[in-house]
Every structure is written in structure tokens, then in C-alpha cells.
Amino acid sequence: MAMKTILLCCLTCLTLHAAEFRIEAENSSDAKVIQDAACSAGAASTSDRAWQPLLIADTPKADGALSAWIHHRGGPIALKAKQADGKQNDVKWIWTKPEDWTWTRLGRFDQATLGTQLYIIRGDAGSPQLDCVVLRSDASDTPPSIE
């Protein structure tokens, strides 16, 4: 009986644990890599050219919607999604230009909206820098941690 109770508790914990996908920007595009100890892997991506991608990555597969977070600073950034037909859609623009590294929740999106590939592009102002994107299955307003 005790073993059954332990197994039930373990299964419950696994069920309640939210899925989290962390995509490091410096490993996922042709953008310039900068070293910064305040970033999750000690580095971030940037570009001095408007509308250039700071991150390109395959969209993780998940059951249900995902909350999208970015760790960024310096200028406007957009989340774009490439669909199966090859078209790109703007999903969300962030127009702020935080001076310090900050977490911004882009929203909660279903798999159809996120498409097959994610792009984070810079706008035409400031000096945007992107550390990482975190996609989570939970709907929490609590920002991810820097690991």
C-alpha cells in the first residue's frame, strides 16, 4: 500500500510540473554574440541592422498553449512565427527600450499561432539585445529564472 501511495504522489508531481523550453539566442542565429555575465548562459545576441533576427529556432511541440517570455534590453523586439506554408506572421511587438536586462511576457499562444519556427527580430531603433526565449506550459505571471 505504501508503494502505491508513493507512486501516486510521484505521478501527481510529474503531472503538475509545467513544461519549460529555454532557447538561448546566441546559439540560434547569425546575429553578433556578446558576452554578458547577467545572461542565462553568459552571452546574448545583438545586431546593428534594423529588422534582423536575433533568434531563429524550431517551435517546441507541446500539448496546449505556451506562455512566451523574453529576457532582453535596449530596444524594440518582435516575435514572429513561420507557418508550415512558409509565411511569417507578426505575433507580438515589444516597443520598450529597457536599459537593464528585463523579463517581458509576450503572451500565451497556441501551437497554430507559434507555427513551425520562431523568429525574434529587432526593430529599427535602439540597440536591442536578446538573452533567451522561454516558453512555458503554465500561465504564471512569474518571470522565469536566470539559470
Foldseek 3Di string as FASTA:
>chain_A
DVVVVVVVVVVVVVVPDKDKDKFFLVVADPFDKDAAPVFLVRIWGWHLDFFAWSGKFFDDDDPWKKWKKWWKAWAKKWKWAQAPVRDIDTDAIDGDHHPDTDIDTRGIGTDRRRHGMITMTGHNDTIMITGIMMIIPDPDPDGDDRD
